[in-house]
Amino acid sequence: MIPFRNSLPYDIVMKDVYVAECPFCGQSQVILPLKPEEVRDLRGGARKRAVVFPCCHTRLQLVDADQDYLLADRPIRNGE
């Protein structure tokens, strides 16, 4: 089972990958430096990808993805 506290909801609009809110600094509507093709490559855990949030420059290692969530290698939500 995927730990929910390690997940981050995302959306793809046009060719941009968005998160509604940065889990680190709270900035809204953050465009991640990630392409939709790279999100597809993450699915199934075959590849890992480091992402640096442009708002606060926090680095996050992504290890998996599905159609709604990105999965990180560490907790990014508070005890939910």
C-alpha atoms as a PDB file:
ATOM      1  CA  MET A   1       0.000   0.000   0.000  1.00  0.00           C
ATOM      2  CA  ILE A   2       1.239   3.471  -0.914  1.00  0.00           C
ATOM      3  CA  PRO A   3       1.720   5.737   2.113  1.00  0.00           C
ATOM      4  CA  PHE A   4      -0.619   8.695   1.577  1.00  0.00           C
ATOM      5  CA  ARG A   5       1.735  11.057   3.404  1.00  0.00           C
ATOM      6  CA  ASN A   6       4.321  10.477   0.629  1.00  0.00           C
ATOM      7  CA  SER A   7       1.923  11.416  -2.182  1.00  0.00           C
ATOM      8  CA  LEU A   8       1.310  14.693  -3.963  1.00  0.00           C
ATOM      9  CA  PRO A   9      -1.724  15.331  -6.199  1.00  0.00           C
ATOM     10  CA  TYR A  10      -0.925  16.765  -9.628  1.00  0.00           C
ATOM     11  CA  ASP A  11      -2.628  17.824 -12.856  1.00  0.00           C
ATOM     12  CA  ILE A  12      -1.450  18.043 -16.436  1.00  0.00           C
ATOM     13  CA  VAL A  13      -2.733  21.095 -18.309  1.00  0.00           C
ATOM     14  CA  MET A  14      -1.564  21.478 -21.889  1.00  0.00           C
ATOM     15  CA  LYS A  15       2.043  20.261 -21.533  1.00  0.00           C
ATOM     16  CA  ASP A  16       2.644  21.513 -17.994  1.00  0.00           C
ATOM     17  CA  VAL A  17       2.605  19.466 -14.814  1.00  0.00           C
ATOM     18  CA  TYR A  18       1.012  21.443 -11.956  1.00  0.00           C
ATOM     19  CA  VAL A  19       0.563  20.932  -8.256  1.00  0.00           C
ATOM     20  CA  ALA A  20      -2.216  22.922  -6.587  1.00  0.00           C
ATOM     21  CA  GLU A  21       0.028  23.922  -3.701  1.00  0.00           C
ATOM     22  CA  CYS A  22       3.689  23.481  -2.845  1.00  0.00           C
ATOM     23  CA  PRO A  23       3.880  21.195   0.214  1.00  0.00           C
ATOM     24  CA  PHE A  24       6.957  23.064   1.457  1.00  0.00           C
ATOM     25  CA  CYS A  25       6.268  26.802   1.102  1.00  0.00           C
ATOM     26  CA  GLY A  26       2.517  26.918   0.367  1.00  0.00           C
ATOM     27  CA  GLN A  27       2.781  28.660  -3.027  1.00  0.00           C
ATOM     28  CA  SER A  28      -0.313  27.940  -5.130  1.00  0.00           C
ATOM     29  CA  GLN A  29      -0.444  26.646  -8.709  1.00  0.00           C
ATOM     30  CA  VAL A  30       3.201  25.595  -9.040  1.00  0.00           C
ATOM     31  CA  ILE A  31       4.406  24.366 -12.434  1.00  0.00           C
ATOM     32  CA  LEU A  32       6.892  21.551 -11.900  1.00  0.00           C
ATOM     33  CA  PRO A  33       9.964  21.214 -14.113  1.00  0.00           C
ATOM     34  CA  LEU A  34       8.599  17.900 -15.335  1.00  0.00           C
ATOM     35  CA  LYS A  35       7.143  16.839 -18.678  1.00  0.00           C
ATOM     36  CA  PRO A  36       4.040  14.658 -19.028  1.00  0.00           C
ATOM     37  CA  GLU A  37       6.216  11.997 -20.691  1.00  0.00           C
ATOM     38  CA  GLU A  38       8.440  11.909 -17.603  1.00  0.00           C
ATOM     39  CA  VAL A  39       5.383  11.355 -15.393  1.00  0.00           C
ATOM     40  CA  ARG A  40       4.447   8.375 -17.576  1.00  0.00           C
ATOM     41  CA  ASP A  41       8.007   7.050 -17.213  1.00  0.00           C
ATOM     42  CA  LEU A  42       7.613   7.164 -13.413  1.00  0.00           C
ATOM     43  CA  ARG A  43       4.548   4.899 -13.476  1.00  0.00           C
ATOM     44  CA  GLY A  44       5.238   1.457 -12.142  1.00  0.00           C
ATOM     45  CA  GLY A  45       8.352   2.604 -10.295  1.00  0.00           C
ATOM     46  CA  ALA A  46      10.687   1.735 -13.158  1.00  0.00           C
ATOM     47  CA  ARG A  47      12.417   5.124 -12.995  1.00  0.00           C
ATOM     48  CA  LYS A  48      13.106   7.752 -10.372  1.00  0.00           C
ATOM     49  CA  ARG A  49      13.243  11.490 -10.953  1.00  0.00           C
ATOM     50  CA  ALA A  50      14.494  14.364  -8.825  1.00  0.00           C
ATOM     51  CA  VAL A  51      12.359  17.514  -9.003  1.00  0.00           C
ATOM     52  CA  VAL A  52      13.279  20.941  -7.654  1.00  0.00           C
ATOM     53  CA  PHE A  53      10.293  23.126  -6.839  1.00  0.00           C
ATOM     54  CA  PRO A  54      10.802  26.503  -8.569  1.00  0.00           C
ATOM     55  CA  CYS A  55       9.064  28.441  -5.773  1.00  0.00           C
ATOM     56  CA  CYS A  56      11.279  27.451  -2.826  1.00  0.00           C
ATOM     57  CA  HIS A  57      14.050  25.360  -4.466  1.00  0.00           C
ATOM     58  CA  THR A  58      13.264  22.303  -2.352  1.00  0.00           C
ATOM     59  CA  ARG A  59      14.397  19.025  -3.915  1.00  0.00           C
ATOM     60  CA  LEU A  60      12.102  16.010  -3.963  1.00  0.00           C
ATOM     61  CA  GLN A  61      12.842  12.504  -5.246  1.00  0.00           C
ATOM     62  CA  LEU A  62       9.858  11.031  -7.111  1.00  0.00           C
ATOM     63  CA  VAL A  63       9.724   7.242  -7.199  1.00  0.00           C
ATOM     64  CA  ASP A  64       6.318   6.448  -8.718  1.00  0.00           C
ATOM     65  CA  ALA A  65       3.178   8.022 -10.160  1.00  0.00           C
ATOM     66  CA  ASP A  66      -0.360   7.180 -11.104  1.00  0.00           C
ATOM     67  CA  GLN A  67      -3.014   9.216 -12.884  1.00  0.00           C
ATOM     68  CA  ASP A  68      -3.631  11.439  -9.861  1.00  0.00           C
ATOM     69  CA  TYR A  69      -0.630  11.363  -7.530  1.00  0.00           C
ATOM     70  CA  LEU A  70       3.139  11.596  -7.572  1.00  0.00           C
ATOM     71  CA  LEU A  71       4.861   9.409  -4.977  1.00  0.00           C
ATOM     72  CA  ALA A  72       7.945  10.676  -3.156  1.00  0.00           C
ATOM     73  CA  ASP A  73      10.601   8.734  -1.278  1.00  0.00           C
ATOM     74  CA  ARG A  74       9.847  10.649   1.945  1.00  0.00           C
ATOM     75  CA  PRO A  75       6.802  12.079   3.721  1.00  0.00           C
ATOM     76  CA  ILE A  76       5.596  15.416   2.349  1.00  0.00           C
ATOM     77  CA  ARG A  77       2.232  15.677   4.137  1.00  0.00           C
ATOM     78  CA  ASN A  78       1.621  16.121   7.847  1.00  0.00           C
ATOM     79  CA  GLY A  79       0.303  12.875   9.314  1.00  0.00           C
ATOM     80  CA  GLU A  80      -2.762  12.633   7.071  1.00  0.00           C
END
